[in-house]
Amino acid sequence: KYAAELTSALGGLKGPLMKVAQILSTIPDALPKEYTQALAELQADAPSMGWLFVKRRMRSELGAGWQSKFTDFSHDAVAAASLGQVHKATLPDGRDVACKLQYPDMSATVEADLKQLRAAFAIYKRYDSAIDAQNIQEELTARLREELDYQREAKHMRLYGHMLADVDCVHVPEPVDEVTTSRLLTMTWQKGQKFKHFLESDPDQDARNQVALNMFRAWYVPFYRYGVIHGDPHLGNYTLRDDLSVNLLDFGCIRIFKPDFVQAVITLYEALRDEDEEKAVSAYESWGFENPSRELIDVLNIWASFVYGPILDDR
């Protein structure tokens, strides 16, 4: 009961608070199981806004004659998340597309939540000054503001299309520029089922393994080859095709890293795999931990074992 009530409340709030709930639903053991299951609904099945909002948003972005740019436009959202909702439509050339509409006043909502976040970090620093949360705050602020710019996301989408062009098991939509603005993103429709429906079908282990490999490639090929990481990898941002290949649908939050950072990520994996502490320390030093003490190395090793655990465990 309480989990459902919390999900309903956060779903109505929209914005960053709802995004935090999405993230929490993906972290193992972060919350009791009933809360995790309930909050997972917010990944793509959050409460959507009605047709009046849709008409106003489309008119605001494309003008009074916006409906002439489509031969069909669904009244009901096919998905809804923290910053916007998605409607299926058809272009005059016959292509099916997904139109992502940003909710009203999201910029003001994000700024208000960021202000509260700054206050929370300031209070935290008074009680524990050992960790400087300034960089965390700055990172969250930058990424959340970027997510509000759908034209920027369209550029990210093209980048991912290039990076994954030769990866047959991952599919990236194409943005449609003539019906895309900073608050409306239109992309080619990717047919597929939601992950929860796949899991509800009780797939065998071979199917699960194949999906896991495809998801791994969707996330790590861009990172290992190009230093680009997807910063919002919850399951609402993916769908599965019949052949178990993956559709990657959201590109609002990405981060680009320098080659030496990426190499250190690989080096640390190899160090943990081979139980080579000297190699692990080399990776930590590449990330800025100069001459780490024994105590710090032990702490970093615990963190690394947790983060790399799933790919070190052969099962």
Protein backbone atom coordinates (compact mmCIF):
# COMPACT_ATOMS: atom_id res chain seq x y z
CA LYS A 1 0.00 0.00 0.00
CA TYR A 2 2.66 2.52 1.04
CA ALA A 3 4.85 1.62 -1.95
CA ALA A 4 1.94 2.23 -4.33
CA GLU A 5 1.13 5.54 -2.65
CA LEU A 6 4.75 6.68 -2.92
CA THR A 7 4.87 5.71 -6.59
CA SER A 8 1.65 7.62 -7.28
CA ALA A 9 2.93 10.72 -5.50
CA LEU A 10 6.29 10.73 -7.28
CA GLY A 11 4.61 10.02 -10.62
CA GLY A 12 2.50 13.13 -10.19
CA LEU A 13 5.46 15.32 -9.28
CA LYS A 14 7.46 14.68 -12.50
CA GLY A 15 10.94 16.17 -12.89
CA PRO A 16 14.16 15.29 -11.01
CA LEU A 17 12.45 13.79 -7.95
CA MET A 18 10.78 11.23 -10.17
CA LYS A 19 14.10 10.57 -11.90
CA VAL A 20 15.67 9.81 -8.51
CA ALA A 21 12.90 7.26 -7.94
CA GLN A 22 13.70 5.67 -11.32
CA ILE A 23 17.35 5.37 -10.36
CA LEU A 24 16.54 3.87 -6.95
CA SER A 25 14.40 1.22 -8.62
CA THR A 26 17.46 -0.04 -10.54
CA ILE A 27 19.87 -0.39 -7.58
CA PRO A 28 19.86 -3.89 -6.05
CA ASP A 29 18.83 -3.94 -2.38
CA ALA A 30 18.59 -0.14 -2.17
CA LEU A 31 14.93 -0.46 -1.18
CA PRO A 32 12.57 -3.23 -0.02
CA LYS A 33 11.40 -5.41 -2.91
CA GLU A 34 7.82 -4.11 -2.88
CA TYR A 35 9.07 -0.52 -3.23
CA THR A 36 11.49 -1.44 -6.02
CA GLN A 37 8.72 -3.19 -7.96
CA ALA A 38 6.33 -0.28 -7.53
CA LEU A 39 8.87 2.41 -8.43
CA ALA A 40 9.92 0.44 -11.52
CA GLU A 41 6.56 1.47 -13.01
CA LEU A 42 7.93 5.02 -13.21
CA GLN A 43 10.56 3.95 -15.74
CA ALA A 44 8.08 4.14 -18.63
CA ASP A 45 4.57 3.77 -17.20
CA ALA A 46 4.29 6.92 -15.11
CA PRO A 47 0.99 8.85 -15.15
CA SER A 48 0.74 10.77 -18.43
CA MET A 49 -0.81 14.15 -19.14
CA GLY A 50 -4.00 14.46 -21.19
CA TRP A 51 -4.85 15.51 -24.72
CA LEU A 52 -5.23 19.18 -23.81
CA PHE A 53 -1.56 19.30 -22.80
CA VAL A 54 -0.57 17.46 -25.99
CA LYS A 55 -2.40 19.95 -28.23
CA ARG A 56 -0.91 22.92 -26.41
CA ARG A 57 2.63 21.53 -26.53
CA MET A 58 2.42 20.60 -30.22
CA ARG A 59 0.91 23.97 -31.15
CA SER A 60 3.58 25.78 -29.15
CA GLU A 61 6.40 23.88 -30.85
CA LEU A 62 5.15 23.45 -34.44
CA GLY A 63 2.49 26.13 -34.84
CA ALA A 64 -1.29 26.15 -35.25
CA GLY A 65 -1.22 23.77 -38.21
CA TRP A 66 0.86 21.12 -36.47
CA GLN A 67 -1.58 18.31 -37.26
CA SER A 68 -0.95 18.76 -41.01
CA LYS A 69 2.60 17.51 -40.41
CA PHE A 70 1.22 14.08 -39.46
CA THR A 71 -1.31 11.73 -41.02
CA ASP A 72 -1.97 10.12 -37.65
CA PHE A 73 -1.21 11.06 -34.04
CA SER A 74 -2.18 8.95 -31.04
CA HIS A 75 -4.22 10.74 -28.37
CA ASP A 76 -2.88 8.48 -25.62
CA ALA A 77 0.76 8.37 -24.58
CA VAL A 78 2.53 5.07 -25.23
CA ALA A 79 5.09 5.87 -22.51
CA ALA A 80 5.58 8.51 -19.84
CA ALA A 81 8.58 9.22 -17.63
CA SER A 82 10.17 11.98 -15.56
CA LEU A 83 10.55 14.85 -18.03
CA GLY A 84 8.19 13.98 -20.87
CA GLN A 85 5.81 11.53 -22.49
CA VAL A 86 5.81 9.76 -25.86
CA HIS A 87 3.08 9.56 -28.51
CA LYS A 88 3.14 7.42 -31.64
CA ALA A 89 2.47 9.23 -34.91
CA THR A 90 2.79 8.78 -38.68
CA LEU A 91 4.45 11.22 -41.08
CA PRO A 92 3.07 12.04 -44.55
CA ASP A 93 5.84 9.91 -46.10
CA GLY A 94 4.47 6.88 -44.23
CA ARG A 95 7.12 6.59 -41.55
CA ASP A 96 5.95 5.77 -38.04
CA VAL A 97 7.58 8.03 -35.47
CA ALA A 98 7.73 8.57 -31.72
CA CYS A 99 7.11 12.13 -30.52
CA LYS A 100 8.51 12.94 -27.09
CA LEU A 101 6.80 15.97 -25.56
CA GLN A 102 8.37 17.76 -22.62
CA TYR A 103 6.04 18.46 -19.69
CA PRO A 104 5.08 22.07 -18.91
CA ASP A 105 7.44 24.26 -16.87
CA MET A 106 10.12 21.57 -16.63
CA SER A 107 12.92 24.13 -16.68
CA ALA A 108 11.50 25.91 -13.63
CA THR A 109 10.83 22.56 -11.92
CA VAL A 110 14.39 21.37 -12.49
CA GLU A 111 15.87 24.64 -11.21
CA ALA A 112 13.68 24.51 -8.09
CA ASP A 113 14.74 20.93 -7.38
CA LEU A 114 18.39 21.79 -7.98
CA LYS A 115 18.08 24.60 -5.46
CA GLN A 116 16.78 22.10 -2.91
CA LEU A 117 19.63 19.77 -3.82
CA ARG A 118 22.20 22.49 -3.15
CA ALA A 119 20.61 23.11 0.24
CA ALA A 120 20.69 19.39 1.04
CA PHE A 121 24.38 19.14 0.10
CA ALA A 122 25.16 22.20 2.25
CA ILE A 123 23.50 20.57 5.26
CA TYR A 124 25.32 17.30 4.57
CA LYS A 125 28.67 19.10 4.48
CA ARG A 126 28.09 20.51 7.96
CA TYR A 127 27.77 17.00 9.37
CA ASP A 128 30.39 15.26 7.22
CA SER A 129 33.10 17.37 5.62
CA ALA A 130 35.17 14.32 4.67
CA ILE A 131 33.43 14.10 1.29
CA ASP A 132 33.25 17.20 -0.90
CA ALA A 133 29.93 16.88 -2.72
CA GLN A 134 30.53 19.97 -4.85
CA ASN A 135 31.58 17.95 -7.90
CA ILE A 136 28.56 15.66 -7.53
CA GLN A 137 26.27 18.66 -7.35
CA GLU A 138 27.87 20.26 -10.41
CA GLU A 139 27.63 17.02 -12.39
CA LEU A 140 23.96 16.51 -11.57
CA THR A 141 23.18 20.12 -12.39
CA ALA A 142 24.89 19.97 -15.79
CA ARG A 143 23.33 16.66 -16.82
CA LEU A 144 19.78 17.60 -15.74
CA ARG A 145 19.91 20.90 -17.60
CA GLU A 146 21.17 19.13 -20.71
CA GLU A 147 18.27 16.67 -20.59
CA LEU A 148 15.83 19.54 -21.09
CA ASP A 149 17.26 20.34 -24.54
CA TYR A 150 15.73 17.88 -26.99
CA GLN A 151 17.72 19.28 -29.94
CA ARG A 152 20.86 18.38 -28.03
CA GLU A 153 19.42 14.91 -27.47
CA ALA A 154 18.84 14.58 -31.23
CA LYS A 155 22.58 15.19 -31.72
CA HIS A 156 23.35 12.55 -29.10
CA MET A 157 21.06 10.17 -30.99
CA ARG A 158 23.01 10.68 -34.21
CA LEU A 159 26.25 10.11 -32.31
CA TYR A 160 24.96 6.80 -30.96
CA GLY A 161 23.74 5.82 -34.42
CA HIS A 162 27.31 6.29 -35.67
CA MET A 163 28.97 4.51 -32.74
CA LEU A 164 26.65 1.49 -32.94
CA ALA A 165 26.28 1.31 -36.73
CA ASP A 166 28.18 -2.00 -36.94
CA VAL A 167 26.58 -3.55 -33.83
CA ASP A 168 23.73 -5.63 -35.25
CA CYS A 169 22.17 -6.41 -31.87
CA VAL A 170 21.52 -2.75 -30.97
CA HIS A 171 19.21 -0.36 -32.83
CA VAL A 172 19.18 3.43 -32.61
CA PRO A 173 16.31 5.58 -33.96
CA GLU A 174 16.90 8.50 -36.32
CA PRO A 175 15.79 12.00 -35.33
CA VAL A 176 13.39 13.83 -37.65
CA ASP A 177 14.66 17.40 -37.66
CA GLU A 178 11.72 19.10 -39.34
CA VAL A 179 9.42 18.17 -36.45
CA THR A 180 11.95 18.46 -33.61
CA THR A 181 12.45 21.45 -31.31
CA SER A 182 14.08 22.03 -27.93
CA ARG A 183 10.91 20.66 -26.23
CA LEU A 184 9.69 18.19 -28.87
CA LEU A 185 11.81 15.28 -30.09
CA THR A 186 10.57 13.24 -33.02
CA MET A 187 12.38 10.03 -33.96
CA THR A 188 11.73 6.97 -36.10
CA TRP A 189 9.59 4.36 -34.38
CA GLN A 190 11.36 1.28 -33.03
CA LYS A 191 9.08 -1.73 -32.68
CA GLY A 192 9.69 -3.79 -29.57
CA GLN A 193 8.34 -5.01 -26.25
CA LYS A 194 9.06 -3.62 -22.82
CA PHE A 195 11.53 -5.49 -20.65
CA LYS A 196 8.95 -6.26 -17.99
CA HIS A 197 6.80 -8.03 -20.61
CA PHE A 198 9.81 -10.07 -21.69
CA LEU A 199 10.48 -11.12 -18.10
CA GLU A 200 6.81 -11.89 -17.48
CA SER A 201 6.96 -14.37 -20.39
CA ASP A 202 9.37 -16.50 -18.29
CA PRO A 203 12.16 -16.70 -20.92
CA ASP A 204 14.67 -19.53 -20.73
CA GLN A 205 18.25 -18.99 -19.62
CA ASP A 206 19.63 -18.85 -23.16
CA ALA A 207 17.29 -15.99 -24.01
CA ARG A 208 18.20 -14.15 -20.81
CA ASN A 209 21.90 -14.58 -21.56
CA GLN A 210 21.49 -13.25 -25.09
CA VAL A 211 19.61 -10.18 -23.88
CA ALA A 212 22.28 -9.56 -21.24
CA LEU A 213 25.02 -9.70 -23.89
CA ASN A 214 23.11 -7.33 -26.16
CA MET A 215 22.54 -4.89 -23.31
CA PHE A 216 26.21 -5.08 -22.38
CA ARG A 217 27.19 -4.17 -25.94
CA ALA A 218 24.67 -1.31 -26.04
CA TRP A 219 26.30 0.25 -22.99
CA TYR A 220 29.98 -0.66 -23.29
CA VAL A 221 30.75 -0.49 -27.02
CA PRO A 222 30.27 3.31 -27.03
CA PHE A 223 32.27 3.62 -23.81
CA TYR A 224 35.22 1.37 -24.63
CA ARG A 225 35.55 2.52 -28.25
CA TYR A 226 34.64 6.20 -27.97
CA GLY A 227 34.61 7.13 -24.28
CA VAL A 228 30.88 7.89 -24.36
CA ILE A 229 28.69 6.56 -21.57
CA HIS A 230 24.92 6.47 -21.23
CA GLY A 231 24.07 8.09 -17.90
CA ASP A 232 20.47 6.91 -17.57
CA PRO A 233 20.44 3.16 -18.26
CA HIS A 234 17.18 2.13 -16.56
CA LEU A 235 15.06 -0.46 -18.38
CA GLY A 236 12.42 2.06 -19.44
CA ASN A 237 14.93 3.40 -21.96
CA TYR A 238 15.13 0.10 -23.86
CA THR A 239 12.78 -2.25 -25.67
CA LEU A 240 13.40 -5.72 -27.12
CA ARG A 241 12.73 -6.93 -30.65
CA ASP A 242 11.53 -10.45 -31.43
CA ASP A 243 15.10 -11.56 -32.18
CA LEU A 244 16.14 -10.25 -28.72
CA SER A 245 18.13 -7.37 -30.18
CA VAL A 246 17.84 -4.12 -28.23
CA ASN A 247 16.26 -0.78 -29.12
CA LEU A 248 18.00 2.12 -27.36
CA LEU A 249 15.45 4.92 -27.00
CA ASP A 250 16.70 7.75 -24.78
CA PHE A 251 19.81 9.87 -25.24
CA GLY A 252 19.23 12.84 -22.95
CA CYS A 253 21.98 12.03 -20.46
CA ILE A 254 25.40 11.09 -21.83
CA ARG A 255 28.94 11.79 -20.62
CA ILE A 256 32.17 11.84 -22.62
CA PHE A 257 35.41 10.72 -20.94
CA LYS A 258 39.05 11.10 -21.92
CA PRO A 259 40.93 8.03 -23.26
CA ASP A 260 43.11 7.66 -20.15
CA PHE A 261 40.00 7.47 -17.95
CA VAL A 262 38.52 4.73 -20.15
CA GLN A 263 41.79 2.81 -20.14
CA ALA A 264 41.84 2.93 -16.34
CA VAL A 265 38.36 1.39 -16.26
CA ILE A 266 39.64 -1.51 -18.36
CA THR A 267 42.84 -1.76 -16.34
CA LEU A 268 40.91 -2.00 -13.07
CA TYR A 269 38.74 -4.80 -14.46
CA GLU A 270 41.86 -6.72 -15.46
CA ALA A 271 43.39 -6.08 -12.03
CA LEU A 272 40.35 -7.46 -10.21
CA ARG A 273 40.12 -10.43 -12.57
CA ASP A 274 43.80 -11.29 -12.09
CA GLU A 275 43.93 -10.25 -8.40
CA ASP A 276 46.71 -7.81 -9.27
CA GLU A 277 46.65 -5.04 -6.66
CA GLU A 278 49.57 -3.15 -8.17
CA LYS A 279 47.60 -2.83 -11.39
CA ALA A 280 44.52 -1.70 -9.46
CA VAL A 281 46.53 1.05 -7.75
CA SER A 282 47.74 2.18 -11.18
CA ALA A 283 44.11 2.57 -12.26
CA TYR A 284 43.23 4.53 -9.12
CA GLU A 285 46.19 6.85 -9.72
CA SER A 286 44.99 7.47 -13.28
CA TRP A 287 41.76 8.77 -11.78
CA GLY A 288 43.58 11.26 -9.58
CA PHE A 289 44.21 9.28 -6.38
CA GLU A 290 47.88 10.21 -6.07
CA ASN A 291 50.00 8.04 -3.75
CA PRO A 292 46.94 6.43 -2.11
CA SER A 293 47.38 5.19 1.45
CA ARG A 294 46.83 1.58 2.46
CA GLU A 295 43.50 2.53 4.03
CA LEU A 296 42.32 4.31 0.87
CA ILE A 297 43.37 1.41 -1.34
CA ASP A 298 41.36 -0.99 0.83
CA VAL A 299 38.29 1.25 0.58
CA LEU A 300 38.66 1.62 -3.20
CA ASN A 301 39.07 -2.15 -3.57
CA ILE A 302 35.78 -2.72 -1.74
CA TRP A 303 34.06 -0.18 -4.00
CA ALA A 304 35.62 -1.70 -7.14
CA SER A 305 34.59 -5.24 -6.17
CA PHE A 306 31.00 -4.04 -5.76
CA VAL A 307 30.91 -2.14 -9.07
CA TYR A 308 32.65 -4.83 -11.13
CA GLY A 309 31.06 -7.76 -9.32
CA PRO A 310 28.40 -8.58 -11.95
CA ILE A 311 30.93 -8.89 -14.79
CA LEU A 312 33.51 -10.74 -12.70
CA ASP A 313 30.98 -13.38 -11.61
CA ASP A 314 30.69 -15.98 -14.40
CA ARG A 315 27.04 -16.95 -14.13
